[in-house]
Amino acid sequence: MGSEAETRQLVDAITGAWRTRLICEGIRAGLIDRLDAQPRTAGEMAGELDLHPETTLRILRALAALGLCHHQGGDVFTASTSGERLRGDRPDSLRGMALLWGDRIWSSLETIGETLRTGEPGRGNGDFGGMHADPAASDAFNRAMAEQSRAIAQALVRTLDFSGYRQVIDLGGGYGAVLAEILRANPDLHGQIYDLAAIGEGALRYLDEAGVGARAAFVGGSFFESVPAGGDCLVIKYILHDWPDADCRHILANCRAALAPGASAIIVERIVADRITPQDESVMRTDLVMMPISGRERTLAEFHTLLRESGFTPGVAHPLIDGCWAIESRAS
């Protein structure tokens, strides 16, 4: 017989989907934004949001069980510190990530069984262009990426010295969370985001809000066609894991064509360990998310192979946070 602790852990893993669904619907319904430091009743919030009162009470109780609000007894609730991070007006918000997991990722994970049987992706190649044609979907995706990128970017600038570069290009950089942190830490540096043209307005707004707009530019385009020249450092964060090896080689070859010999390319990705343990959960979770779109997480040796095949000399790999690494390389 398994131990009580082991059973609890297994049940938690089996039933974990309820948290994703609850958090997403709590945000969508507006409950997270209605919670306040001052006590509020479930009935008041239900009336303001045109929700069913009894169901609202049950949802708020469930949110309280996750620590996302405080239950004061009866039908009275107040905001919690962690729940406030799901509001849209917080600089450290994780709202976009919660909505992404409750919508796009939730539906894509339903195709894993098909991929397991056939080896074929269940949702094409990710359709990033199609997604960015929908302004709401594009904004949700890029906000989620920015939210996830901030802490990684802060670890990146603590780990690597960017002061010797003149111009950093953030490849597929979305709204520019990584570039913003690099420029904030290096006041003499200039930078550029290269991503699909549809997100340019949002990216420039984000960079202005971050206080680095005067030293940052946005260039629209596809890294499958070309990469802008003129940079002496390319940052490639969470791009290669979206694509199979052949596409990665194509992307990296375009990067190499844009760089002078000796220029830097810094790959920021999660790295699959040679032997997986429960401490690798975040890496394998992301690998599972990549599966339906033909992407994958890779070992360090696999990244080195891709770099060498594409005209780069791999250098030192630096651990950052949460299974992420920065792999330095130089254009050969």
C-alpha atoms as a PDB file:
ATOM      1  CA  MET A   1       0.000   0.000   0.000  1.00  0.00           C
ATOM      2  CA  GLY A   2       1.220   3.472  -0.826  1.00  0.00           C
ATOM      3  CA  SER A   3       1.785   5.993   1.928  1.00  0.00           C
ATOM      4  CA  GLU A   4      -0.725   8.735   2.664  1.00  0.00           C
ATOM      5  CA  ALA A   5       1.730  11.377   1.440  1.00  0.00           C
ATOM      6  CA  GLU A   6       2.331   9.455  -1.793  1.00  0.00           C
ATOM      7  CA  THR A   7      -1.417   9.090  -2.377  1.00  0.00           C
ATOM      8  CA  ARG A   8      -1.963  12.809  -1.762  1.00  0.00           C
ATOM      9  CA  GLN A   9       0.780  13.692  -4.233  1.00  0.00           C
ATOM     10  CA  LEU A  10      -0.645  11.370  -6.886  1.00  0.00           C
ATOM     11  CA  VAL A  11      -4.210  12.631  -6.445  1.00  0.00           C
ATOM     12  CA  ASP A  12      -2.912  16.195  -6.696  1.00  0.00           C
ATOM     13  CA  ALA A  13      -1.239  15.352 -10.017  1.00  0.00           C
ATOM     14  CA  ILE A  14      -4.347  13.582 -11.362  1.00  0.00           C
ATOM     15  CA  THR A  15      -6.756  16.388 -10.475  1.00  0.00           C
ATOM     16  CA  GLY A  16      -4.518  19.384 -11.182  1.00  0.00           C
ATOM     17  CA  ALA A  17      -6.562  20.590 -14.171  1.00  0.00           C
ATOM     18  CA  TRP A  18      -9.222  22.055 -11.882  1.00  0.00           C
ATOM     19  CA  ARG A  19      -6.859  24.803 -10.795  1.00  0.00           C
ATOM     20  CA  THR A  20      -6.177  25.972 -14.355  1.00  0.00           C
ATOM     21  CA  ARG A  21      -9.892  26.026 -15.187  1.00  0.00           C
ATOM     22  CA  LEU A  22     -10.871  27.787 -11.945  1.00  0.00           C
ATOM     23  CA  ILE A  23      -8.243  30.515 -12.228  1.00  0.00           C
ATOM     24  CA  CYS A  24      -9.046  31.215 -15.879  1.00  0.00           C
ATOM     25  CA  GLU A  25     -12.795  31.480 -15.252  1.00  0.00           C
ATOM     26  CA  GLY A  26     -12.283  33.583 -12.120  1.00  0.00           C
ATOM     27  CA  ILE A  27     -10.362  36.080 -14.245  1.00  0.00           C
ATOM     28  CA  ARG A  28     -12.762  35.971 -17.203  1.00  0.00           C
ATOM     29  CA  ALA A  29     -15.818  36.493 -15.011  1.00  0.00           C
ATOM     30  CA  GLY A  30     -14.220  39.571 -13.455  1.00  0.00           C
ATOM     31  CA  LEU A  31     -14.123  38.216  -9.887  1.00  0.00           C
ATOM     32  CA  ILE A  32     -10.369  38.639  -9.499  1.00  0.00           C
ATOM     33  CA  ASP A  33     -10.648  42.325 -10.415  1.00  0.00           C
ATOM     34  CA  ARG A  34     -13.592  42.893  -8.036  1.00  0.00           C
ATOM     35  CA  LEU A  35     -11.788  41.561  -4.953  1.00  0.00           C
ATOM     36  CA  ASP A  36     -10.404  44.269  -2.706  1.00  0.00           C
ATOM     37  CA  ALA A  37      -8.663  44.811   0.621  1.00  0.00           C
ATOM     38  CA  GLN A  38     -12.060  45.887   1.952  1.00  0.00           C
ATOM     39  CA  PRO A  39     -14.492  43.008   2.620  1.00  0.00           C
ATOM     40  CA  ARG A  40     -16.918  42.282  -0.195  1.00  0.00           C
ATOM     41  CA  THR A  41     -19.769  39.794  -0.362  1.00  0.00           C
ATOM     42  CA  ALA A  42     -20.235  37.208  -3.065  1.00  0.00           C
ATOM     43  CA  GLY A  43     -23.739  38.599  -3.617  1.00  0.00           C
ATOM     44  CA  GLU A  44     -22.424  42.109  -4.262  1.00  0.00           C
ATOM     45  CA  MET A  45     -19.903  40.882  -6.803  1.00  0.00           C
ATOM     46  CA  ALA A  46     -22.440  38.597  -8.478  1.00  0.00           C
ATOM     47  CA  GLY A  47     -24.827  41.528  -8.889  1.00  0.00           C
ATOM     48  CA  GLU A  48     -22.158  43.792 -10.364  1.00  0.00           C
ATOM     49  CA  LEU A  49     -20.983  41.132 -12.820  1.00  0.00           C
ATOM     50  CA  ASP A  50     -24.393  39.615 -13.663  1.00  0.00           C
ATOM     51  CA  LEU A  51     -23.383  36.222 -12.257  1.00  0.00           C
ATOM     52  CA  HIS A  52     -25.362  33.503 -10.487  1.00  0.00           C
ATOM     53  CA  PRO A  53     -25.037  34.307  -6.745  1.00  0.00           C
ATOM     54  CA  GLU A  54     -24.722  30.776  -5.317  1.00  0.00           C
ATOM     55  CA  THR A  55     -22.237  29.701  -7.988  1.00  0.00           C
ATOM     56  CA  THR A  56     -20.247  32.897  -7.404  1.00  0.00           C
ATOM     57  CA  LEU A  57     -19.964  32.002  -3.712  1.00  0.00           C
ATOM     58  CA  ARG A  58     -18.721  28.504  -4.570  1.00  0.00           C
ATOM     59  CA  ILE A  59     -16.159  29.817  -7.052  1.00  0.00           C
ATOM     60  CA  LEU A  60     -14.851  32.338  -4.520  1.00  0.00           C
ATOM     61  CA  ARG A  61     -14.543  29.594  -1.896  1.00  0.00           C
ATOM     62  CA  ALA A  62     -12.525  27.528  -4.358  1.00  0.00           C
ATOM     63  CA  LEU A  63     -10.280  30.523  -5.117  1.00  0.00           C
ATOM     64  CA  ALA A  64      -9.795  30.955  -1.366  1.00  0.00           C
ATOM     65  CA  ALA A  65      -8.721  27.306  -1.112  1.00  0.00           C
ATOM     66  CA  LEU A  66      -5.904  28.156  -3.546  1.00  0.00           C
ATOM     67  CA  GLY A  67      -4.941  31.252  -1.581  1.00  0.00           C
ATOM     68  CA  LEU A  68      -6.131  33.549  -4.370  1.00  0.00           C
ATOM     69  CA  CYS A  69      -8.463  35.412  -2.008  1.00  0.00           C
ATOM     70  CA  HIS A  70      -9.251  35.340   1.714  1.00  0.00           C
ATOM     71  CA  HIS A  71     -12.563  33.946   2.984  1.00  0.00           C
ATOM     72  CA  GLN A  72     -13.671  35.986   5.994  1.00  0.00           C
ATOM     73  CA  GLY A  73     -16.579  33.677   6.772  1.00  0.00           C
ATOM     74  CA  GLY A  74     -20.111  33.535   5.414  1.00  0.00           C
ATOM     75  CA  ASP A  75     -20.104  35.056   1.943  1.00  0.00           C
ATOM     76  CA  VAL A  76     -17.469  37.722   2.686  1.00  0.00           C
ATOM     77  CA  PHE A  77     -14.117  37.775   0.871  1.00  0.00           C
ATOM     78  CA  THR A  78     -11.053  39.993   0.576  1.00  0.00           C
ATOM     79  CA  ALA A  79      -8.161  40.086  -1.882  1.00  0.00           C
ATOM     80  CA  SER A  80      -4.939  38.162  -1.255  1.00  0.00           C
ATOM     81  CA  THR A  81      -1.384  39.039  -2.266  1.00  0.00           C
ATOM     82  CA  SER A  82      -1.103  36.142  -4.709  1.00  0.00           C
ATOM     83  CA  GLY A  83      -4.572  36.750  -6.162  1.00  0.00           C
ATOM     84  CA  GLU A  84      -3.710  40.378  -6.860  1.00  0.00           C
ATOM     85  CA  ARG A  85      -0.977  39.149  -9.211  1.00  0.00           C
ATOM     86  CA  LEU A  86      -3.776  37.955 -11.509  1.00  0.00           C
ATOM     87  CA  ARG A  87      -5.050  41.510 -11.973  1.00  0.00           C
ATOM     88  CA  GLY A  88      -4.243  43.240 -15.235  1.00  0.00           C
ATOM     89  CA  ASP A  89      -2.937  46.436 -13.612  1.00  0.00           C
ATOM     90  CA  ARG A  90       0.013  44.847 -11.793  1.00  0.00           C
ATOM     91  CA  PRO A  91       3.555  45.132 -13.236  1.00  0.00           C
ATOM     92  CA  ASP A  92       4.255  41.610 -11.922  1.00  0.00           C
ATOM     93  CA  SER A  93       0.937  40.224 -13.189  1.00  0.00           C
ATOM     94  CA  LEU A  94       0.596  36.618 -14.367  1.00  0.00           C
ATOM     95  CA  ARG A  95      -2.875  37.209 -15.791  1.00  0.00           C
ATOM     96  CA  GLY A  96      -1.859  36.653 -19.410  1.00  0.00           C
ATOM     97  CA  MET A  97      -0.185  33.371 -18.536  1.00  0.00           C
ATOM     98  CA  ALA A  98      -3.307  32.177 -16.700  1.00  0.00           C
ATOM     99  CA  LEU A  99      -5.537  33.004 -19.674  1.00  0.00           C
ATOM    100  CA  LEU A 100      -3.119  31.383 -22.127  1.00  0.00           C
ATOM    101  CA  TRP A 101      -3.113  28.152 -20.120  1.00  0.00           C
ATOM    102  CA  GLY A 102      -6.883  28.220 -19.755  1.00  0.00           C
ATOM    103  CA  ASP A 103      -7.491  28.725 -23.465  1.00  0.00           C
ATOM    104  CA  ARG A 104      -4.884  28.063 -26.156  1.00  0.00           C
ATOM    105  CA  ILE A 105      -2.711  25.617 -24.225  1.00  0.00           C
ATOM    106  CA  TRP A 106      -5.717  23.862 -22.667  1.00  0.00           C
ATOM    107  CA  SER A 107      -7.189  23.042 -26.077  1.00  0.00           C
ATOM    108  CA  SER A 108      -3.853  22.078 -27.633  1.00  0.00           C
ATOM    109  CA  LEU A 109      -3.114  19.544 -24.885  1.00  0.00           C
ATOM    110  CA  GLU A 110      -6.217  17.609 -25.929  1.00  0.00           C
ATOM    111  CA  THR A 111      -4.298  16.462 -29.024  1.00  0.00           C
ATOM    112  CA  ILE A 112      -1.399  14.811 -27.191  1.00  0.00           C
ATOM    113  CA  GLY A 113      -2.990  11.361 -27.487  1.00  0.00           C
ATOM    114  CA  GLU A 114      -3.066  11.732 -31.268  1.00  0.00           C
ATOM    115  CA  THR A 115       0.587  12.783 -31.300  1.00  0.00           C
ATOM    116  CA  LEU A 116       1.500   9.854 -29.033  1.00  0.00           C
ATOM    117  CA  ARG A 117      -0.067   7.402 -31.494  1.00  0.00           C
ATOM    118  CA  THR A 118       1.115   8.970 -34.758  1.00  0.00           C
ATOM    119  CA  GLY A 119       4.078  11.212 -33.966  1.00  0.00           C
ATOM    120  CA  GLU A 120       2.299  13.958 -35.873  1.00  0.00           C
ATOM    121  CA  PRO A 121       1.416  17.326 -34.306  1.00  0.00           C
ATOM    122  CA  GLY A 122      -2.223  17.781 -33.443  1.00  0.00           C
ATOM    123  CA  ARG A 123      -2.421  21.511 -34.248  1.00  0.00           C
ATOM    124  CA  GLY A 124      -0.267  22.131 -37.292  1.00  0.00           C
ATOM    125  CA  ASN A 125       2.847  24.251 -36.752  1.00  0.00           C
ATOM    126  CA  GLY A 126       1.496  26.613 -34.129  1.00  0.00           C
ATOM    127  CA  ASP A 127       0.034  29.143 -36.604  1.00  0.00           C
ATOM    128  CA  PHE A 128       1.736  32.117 -34.980  1.00  0.00           C
ATOM    129  CA  GLY A 129       0.850  34.333 -37.933  1.00  0.00           C
ATOM    130  CA  GLY A 130      -2.821  33.362 -37.731  1.00  0.00           C
ATOM    131  CA  MET A 131      -2.904  33.992 -34.008  1.00  0.00           C
ATOM    132  CA  HIS A 132      -1.413  37.467 -34.407  1.00  0.00           C
ATOM    133  CA  ALA A 133      -4.127  38.279 -36.953  1.00  0.00           C
ATOM    134  CA  ASP A 134      -6.571  38.183 -34.010  1.00  0.00           C
ATOM    135  CA  PRO A 135      -5.721  41.268 -31.901  1.00  0.00           C
ATOM    136  CA  ALA A 136      -7.162  39.864 -28.661  1.00  0.00           C
ATOM    137  CA  ALA A 137      -5.419  36.488 -29.023  1.00  0.00           C
ATOM    138  CA  SER A 138      -2.182  38.200 -30.019  1.00  0.00           C
ATOM    139  CA  ASP A 139      -2.254  40.555 -27.048  1.00  0.00           C
ATOM    140  CA  ALA A 140      -3.034  37.726 -24.601  1.00  0.00           C
ATOM    141  CA  PHE A 141      -0.200  35.608 -25.989  1.00  0.00           C
ATOM    142  CA  ASN A 142       2.385  38.398 -25.968  1.00  0.00           C
ATOM    143  CA  ARG A 143       1.411  39.559 -22.487  1.00  0.00           C
ATOM    144  CA  ALA A 144       1.802  35.989 -21.251  1.00  0.00           C
ATOM    145  CA  MET A 145       5.228  35.751 -22.877  1.00  0.00           C
ATOM    146  CA  ALA A 146       6.266  39.084 -21.347  1.00  0.00           C
ATOM    147  CA  GLU A 147       5.095  37.957 -17.911  1.00  0.00           C
ATOM    148  CA  GLN A 148       7.100  34.743 -18.150  1.00  0.00           C
ATOM    149  CA  SER A 149      10.131  36.536 -19.566  1.00  0.00           C
ATOM    150  CA  ARG A 150      10.712  39.207 -16.917  1.00  0.00           C
ATOM    151  CA  ALA A 151      12.275  37.016 -14.227  1.00  0.00           C
ATOM    152  CA  ILE A 152      14.317  35.097 -16.807  1.00  0.00           C
ATOM    153  CA  ALA A 153      15.563  38.350 -18.351  1.00  0.00           C
ATOM    154  CA  GLN A 154      16.544  39.678 -14.932  1.00  0.00           C
ATOM    155  CA  ALA A 155      18.525  36.492 -14.306  1.00  0.00           C
ATOM    156  CA  LEU A 156      20.097  36.855 -17.756  1.00  0.00           C
ATOM    157  CA  VAL A 157      21.443  40.365 -17.100  1.00  0.00           C
ATOM    158  CA  ARG A 158      22.738  39.267 -13.702  1.00  0.00           C
ATOM    159  CA  THR A 159      24.592  36.375 -15.336  1.00  0.00           C
ATOM    160  CA  LEU A 160      25.957  37.792 -18.604  1.00  0.00           C
ATOM    161  CA  ASP A 161      27.780  41.061 -19.304  1.00  0.00           C
ATOM    162  CA  PHE A 162      26.176  42.959 -22.192  1.00  0.00           C
ATOM    163  CA  SER A 163      28.202  46.151 -21.709  1.00  0.00           C
ATOM    164  CA  GLY A 164      30.637  45.335 -24.516  1.00  0.00           C
ATOM    165  CA  TYR A 165      27.931  45.195 -27.185  1.00  0.00           C
ATOM    166  CA  ARG A 166      26.699  48.043 -29.322  1.00  0.00           C
ATOM    167  CA  GLN A 167      23.377  46.742 -30.683  1.00  0.00           C
ATOM    168  CA  VAL A 168      21.340  43.802 -29.366  1.00  0.00           C
ATOM    169  CA  ILE A 169      18.658  42.227 -31.552  1.00  0.00           C
ATOM    170  CA  ASP A 170      15.942  40.292 -29.722  1.00  0.00           C
ATOM    171  CA  LEU A 171      14.800  37.681 -32.241  1.00  0.00           C
ATOM    172  CA  GLY A 172      11.084  36.952 -32.037  1.00  0.00           C
ATOM    173  CA  GLY A 173      11.085  39.144 -28.948  1.00  0.00           C
ATOM    174  CA  GLY A 174       7.348  39.801 -28.764  1.00  0.00           C
ATOM    175  CA  TYR A 175       6.576  42.885 -26.690  1.00  0.00           C
ATOM    176  CA  GLY A 176      10.214  43.187 -25.632  1.00  0.00           C
ATOM    177  CA  ALA A 177      10.393  42.097 -21.987  1.00  0.00           C
ATOM    178  CA  VAL A 178      13.862  40.611 -22.462  1.00  0.00           C
ATOM    179  CA  LEU A 179      15.208  43.555 -24.438  1.00  0.00           C
ATOM    180  CA  ALA A 180      13.784  46.020 -21.904  1.00  0.00           C
ATOM    181  CA  GLU A 181      15.666  44.352 -19.031  1.00  0.00           C
ATOM    182  CA  ILE A 182      18.906  44.252 -21.033  1.00  0.00           C
ATOM    183  CA  LEU A 183      18.645  47.950 -21.951  1.00  0.00           C
ATOM    184  CA  ARG A 184      17.704  48.992 -18.416  1.00  0.00           C
ATOM    185  CA  ALA A 185      20.821  47.270 -17.090  1.00  0.00           C
ATOM    186  CA  ASN A 186      23.046  48.778 -19.823  1.00  0.00           C
ATOM    187  CA  PRO A 187      22.245  52.482 -20.348  1.00  0.00           C
ATOM    188  CA  ASP A 188      24.668  52.917 -23.275  1.00  0.00           C
ATOM    189  CA  LEU A 189      23.266  49.983 -25.247  1.00  0.00           C
ATOM    190  CA  HIS A 190      20.727  50.133 -28.089  1.00  0.00           C
ATOM    191  CA  GLY A 191      18.421  47.348 -29.169  1.00  0.00           C
ATOM    192  CA  GLN A 192      15.877  46.126 -31.641  1.00  0.00           C
ATOM    193  CA  ILE A 193      12.983  43.681 -31.554  1.00  0.00           C
ATOM    194  CA  TYR A 194      12.503  41.595 -34.669  1.00  0.00           C
ATOM    195  CA  ASP A 195       9.088  39.939 -34.817  1.00  0.00           C
ATOM    196  CA  LEU A 196       5.924  39.777 -36.887  1.00  0.00           C
ATOM    197  CA  ALA A 197       4.765  43.235 -37.967  1.00  0.00           C
ATOM    198  CA  ALA A 198       1.311  42.796 -36.412  1.00  0.00           C
ATOM    199  CA  ILE A 199       2.669  43.152 -32.873  1.00  0.00           C
ATOM    200  CA  GLY A 200       4.806  46.236 -33.498  1.00  0.00           C
ATOM    201  CA  GLU A 201       2.411  48.725 -31.911  1.00  0.00           C
ATOM    202  CA  GLY A 202       2.125  46.685 -28.719  1.00  0.00           C
ATOM    203  CA  ALA A 203       5.889  46.188 -28.549  1.00  0.00           C
ATOM    204  CA  LEU A 204       6.695  49.884 -28.903  1.00  0.00           C
ATOM    205  CA  ARG A 205       4.112  50.737 -26.257  1.00  0.00           C
ATOM    206  CA  TYR A 206       5.633  48.166 -23.875  1.00  0.00           C
ATOM    207  CA  LEU A 207       9.161  49.498 -24.449  1.00  0.00           C
ATOM    208  CA  ASP A 208       8.016  53.074 -23.815  1.00  0.00           C
ATOM    209  CA  GLU A 209       6.307  52.016 -20.589  1.00  0.00           C
ATOM    210  CA  ALA A 210       9.528  50.240 -19.574  1.00  0.00           C
ATOM    211  CA  GLY A 211      11.434  53.510 -20.016  1.00  0.00           C
ATOM    212  CA  VAL A 212      13.714  52.308 -22.836  1.00  0.00           C
ATOM    213  CA  GLY A 213      11.744  53.397 -25.900  1.00  0.00           C
ATOM    214  CA  ALA A 214      14.337  56.002 -26.917  1.00  0.00           C
ATOM    215  CA  ARG A 215      16.993  53.294 -27.324  1.00  0.00           C
ATOM    216  CA  ALA A 216      14.810  50.578 -28.841  1.00  0.00           C
ATOM    217  CA  ALA A 217      13.315  49.967 -32.259  1.00  0.00           C
ATOM    218  CA  PHE A 218      10.910  47.439 -33.730  1.00  0.00           C
ATOM    219  CA  VAL A 219      11.435  45.793 -37.124  1.00  0.00           C
ATOM    220  CA  GLY A 220       8.686  43.644 -38.589  1.00  0.00           C
ATOM    221  CA  GLY A 221       9.431  40.462 -40.480  1.00  0.00           C
ATOM    222  CA  SER A 222       9.847  36.704 -40.339  1.00  0.00           C
ATOM    223  CA  PHE A 223      13.047  35.002 -39.225  1.00  0.00           C
ATOM    224  CA  PHE A 224      12.242  32.263 -41.737  1.00  0.00           C
ATOM    225  CA  GLU A 225      12.916  34.811 -44.491  1.00  0.00           C
ATOM    226  CA  SER A 226      15.800  36.829 -43.055  1.00  0.00           C
ATOM    227  CA  VAL A 227      17.243  38.412 -39.917  1.00  0.00           C
ATOM    228  CA  PRO A 228      18.252  42.106 -39.750  1.00  0.00           C
ATOM    229  CA  ALA A 229      21.960  42.822 -40.036  1.00  0.00           C
ATOM    230  CA  GLY A 230      23.803  45.347 -37.898  1.00  0.00           C
ATOM    231  CA  GLY A 231      23.631  43.740 -34.479  1.00  0.00           C
ATOM    232  CA  ASP A 232      26.670  42.391 -32.668  1.00  0.00           C
ATOM    233  CA  CYS A 233      24.553  40.286 -30.302  1.00  0.00           C
ATOM    234  CA  LEU A 234      21.470  38.223 -31.091  1.00  0.00           C
ATOM    235  CA  VAL A 235      19.281  37.042 -28.215  1.00  0.00           C
ATOM    236  CA  ILE A 236      17.161  34.045 -29.186  1.00  0.00           C
ATOM    237  CA  LYS A 237      14.837  33.255 -26.296  1.00  0.00           C
ATOM    238  CA  TYR A 238      12.152  30.564 -26.439  1.00  0.00           C
ATOM    239  CA  ILE A 239      12.231  30.459 -30.239  1.00  0.00           C
ATOM    240  CA  LEU A 240      13.967  27.204 -31.085  1.00  0.00           C
ATOM    241  CA  HIS A 241      11.759  25.107 -28.812  1.00  0.00           C
ATOM    242  CA  ASP A 242       8.771  26.031 -31.007  1.00  0.00           C
ATOM    243  CA  TRP A 243      10.188  24.242 -34.051  1.00  0.00           C
ATOM    244  CA  PRO A 244      11.544  20.893 -35.265  1.00  0.00           C
ATOM    245  CA  ASP A 245      15.250  20.522 -36.015  1.00  0.00           C
ATOM    246  CA  ALA A 246      15.071  21.352 -39.735  1.00  0.00           C
ATOM    247  CA  ASP A 247      13.287  24.642 -39.049  1.00  0.00           C
ATOM    248  CA  CYS A 248      15.738  25.454 -36.246  1.00  0.00           C
ATOM    249  CA  ARG A 249      18.649  25.002 -38.633  1.00  0.00           C
ATOM    250  CA  HIS A 250      16.935  27.305 -41.128  1.00  0.00           C
ATOM    251  CA  ILE A 251      16.350  29.988 -38.467  1.00  0.00           C
ATOM    252  CA  LEU A 252      19.919  29.737 -37.182  1.00  0.00           C
ATOM    253  CA  ALA A 253      21.339  29.864 -40.717  1.00  0.00           C
ATOM    254  CA  ASN A 254      19.474  33.141 -41.275  1.00  0.00           C
ATOM    255  CA  CYS A 255      20.875  34.400 -37.969  1.00  0.00           C
ATOM    256  CA  ARG A 256      24.391  33.459 -39.044  1.00  0.00           C
ATOM    257  CA  ALA A 257      23.966  35.268 -42.370  1.00  0.00           C
ATOM    258  CA  ALA A 258      23.098  38.479 -40.489  1.00  0.00           C
ATOM    259  CA  LEU A 259      26.136  38.390 -38.187  1.00  0.00           C
ATOM    260  CA  ALA A 260      29.780  39.204 -38.748  1.00  0.00           C
ATOM    261  CA  PRO A 261      32.296  36.513 -37.758  1.00  0.00           C
ATOM    262  CA  GLY A 262      32.797  36.583 -34.004  1.00  0.00           C
ATOM    263  CA  ALA A 263      29.443  38.203 -33.240  1.00  0.00           C
ATOM    264  CA  SER A 264      27.400  36.647 -30.445  1.00  0.00           C
ATOM    265  CA  ALA A 265      24.221  34.611 -30.454  1.00  0.00           C
ATOM    266  CA  ILE A 266      22.769  33.818 -27.034  1.00  0.00           C
ATOM    267  CA  ILE A 267      20.235  30.999 -26.915  1.00  0.00           C
ATOM    268  CA  VAL A 268      17.902  31.113 -23.904  1.00  0.00           C
ATOM    269  CA  GLU A 269      15.972  27.878 -23.513  1.00  0.00           C
ATOM    270  CA  ARG A 270      15.082  25.208 -21.011  1.00  0.00           C
ATOM    271  CA  ILE A 271      17.503  22.291 -21.175  1.00  0.00           C
ATOM    272  CA  VAL A 272      16.488  18.657 -20.771  1.00  0.00           C
ATOM    273  CA  ALA A 273      18.725  16.913 -18.248  1.00  0.00           C
ATOM    274  CA  ASP A 274      20.498  13.671 -19.117  1.00  0.00           C
ATOM    275  CA  ARG A 275      18.526  11.968 -16.336  1.00  0.00           C
ATOM    276  CA  ILE A 276      15.054  13.258 -15.466  1.00  0.00           C
ATOM    277  CA  THR A 277      13.949  13.611 -11.835  1.00  0.00           C
ATOM    278  CA  PRO A 278      10.911  15.310 -10.232  1.00  0.00           C
ATOM    279  CA  GLN A 279      13.002  18.507 -10.061  1.00  0.00           C
ATOM    280  CA  ASP A 280      12.711  18.717 -13.867  1.00  0.00           C
ATOM    281  CA  GLU A 281       8.935  19.143 -13.845  1.00  0.00           C
ATOM    282  CA  SER A 282       8.936  22.663 -15.328  1.00  0.00           C
ATOM    283  CA  VAL A 283      11.127  21.589 -18.255  1.00  0.00           C
ATOM    284  CA  MET A 284       9.034  18.536 -19.055  1.00  0.00           C
ATOM    285  CA  ARG A 285       5.797  20.498 -18.662  1.00  0.00           C
ATOM    286  CA  THR A 286       6.980  22.885 -21.361  1.00  0.00           C
ATOM    287  CA  ASP A 287       8.106  19.986 -23.543  1.00  0.00           C
ATOM    288  CA  LEU A 288       4.567  18.602 -23.355  1.00  0.00           C
ATOM    289  CA  VAL A 289       3.121  21.995 -24.352  1.00  0.00           C
ATOM    290  CA  MET A 290       5.437  22.066 -27.379  1.00  0.00           C
ATOM    291  CA  MET A 291       4.435  18.582 -28.523  1.00  0.00           C
ATOM    292  CA  PRO A 292       1.174  19.504 -30.332  1.00  0.00           C
ATOM    293  CA  ILE A 293       2.935  22.216 -32.401  1.00  0.00           C
ATOM    294  CA  SER A 294       5.964  20.144 -33.522  1.00  0.00           C
ATOM    295  CA  GLY A 295       8.225  21.861 -31.003  1.00  0.00           C
ATOM    296  CA  ARG A 296      10.352  20.291 -28.281  1.00  0.00           C
ATOM    297  CA  GLU A 297      12.771  20.987 -25.475  1.00  0.00           C
ATOM    298  CA  ARG A 298      16.324  19.753 -26.091  1.00  0.00           C
ATOM    299  CA  THR A 299      19.444  18.566 -24.317  1.00  0.00           C
ATOM    300  CA  LEU A 300      22.534  20.758 -24.275  1.00  0.00           C
ATOM    301  CA  ALA A 301      24.226  18.373 -26.713  1.00  0.00           C
ATOM    302  CA  GLU A 302      21.311  18.759 -29.136  1.00  0.00           C
ATOM    303  CA  PHE A 303      21.583  22.556 -28.988  1.00  0.00           C
ATOM    304  CA  HIS A 304      25.327  22.344 -29.612  1.00  0.00           C
ATOM    305  CA  THR A 305      24.696  20.176 -32.680  1.00  0.00           C
ATOM    306  CA  LEU A 306      22.155  22.644 -34.102  1.00  0.00           C
ATOM    307  CA  LEU A 307      24.547  25.544 -33.549  1.00  0.00           C
ATOM    308  CA  ARG A 308      27.519  23.821 -35.186  1.00  0.00           C
ATOM    309  CA  GLU A 309      25.416  22.725 -38.165  1.00  0.00           C
ATOM    310  CA  SER A 310      24.313  26.349 -38.657  1.00  0.00           C
ATOM    311  CA  GLY A 311      27.689  28.100 -38.570  1.00  0.00           C
ATOM    312  CA  PHE A 312      28.138  28.843 -34.868  1.00  0.00           C
ATOM    313  CA  THR A 313      30.736  27.803 -32.311  1.00  0.00           C
ATOM    314  CA  PRO A 314      29.034  26.902 -29.013  1.00  0.00           C
ATOM    315  CA  GLY A 315      30.435  28.439 -25.847  1.00  0.00           C
ATOM    316  CA  VAL A 316      29.596  28.337 -22.158  1.00  0.00           C
ATOM    317  CA  ALA A 317      26.080  27.423 -20.971  1.00  0.00           C
ATOM    318  CA  HIS A 318      24.948  29.336 -17.877  1.00  0.00           C
ATOM    319  CA  PRO A 319      22.080  28.215 -15.610  1.00  0.00           C
ATOM    320  CA  LEU A 320      19.481  30.939 -15.056  1.00  0.00           C
ATOM    321  CA  ILE A 321      16.246  30.035 -13.244  1.00  0.00           C
ATOM    322  CA  ASP A 322      13.507  27.402 -13.428  1.00  0.00           C
ATOM    323  CA  GLY A 323      15.405  25.067 -15.763  1.00  0.00           C
ATOM    324  CA  CYS A 324      16.368  27.878 -18.177  1.00  0.00           C
ATOM    325  CA  TRP A 325      19.908  28.277 -19.455  1.00  0.00           C
ATOM    326  CA  ALA A 326      21.761  30.862 -21.535  1.00  0.00           C
ATOM    327  CA  ILE A 327      23.948  29.181 -24.162  1.00  0.00           C
ATOM    328  CA  GLU A 328      26.622  31.502 -25.518  1.00  0.00           C
ATOM    329  CA  SER A 329      27.850  31.030 -29.084  1.00  0.00           C
ATOM    330  CA  ARG A 330      29.859  32.913 -31.699  1.00  0.00           C
ATOM    331  CA  ALA A 331      29.417  33.202 -35.446  1.00  0.00           C
ATOM    332  CA  SER A 332      32.164  31.037 -36.964  1.00  0.00           C
END
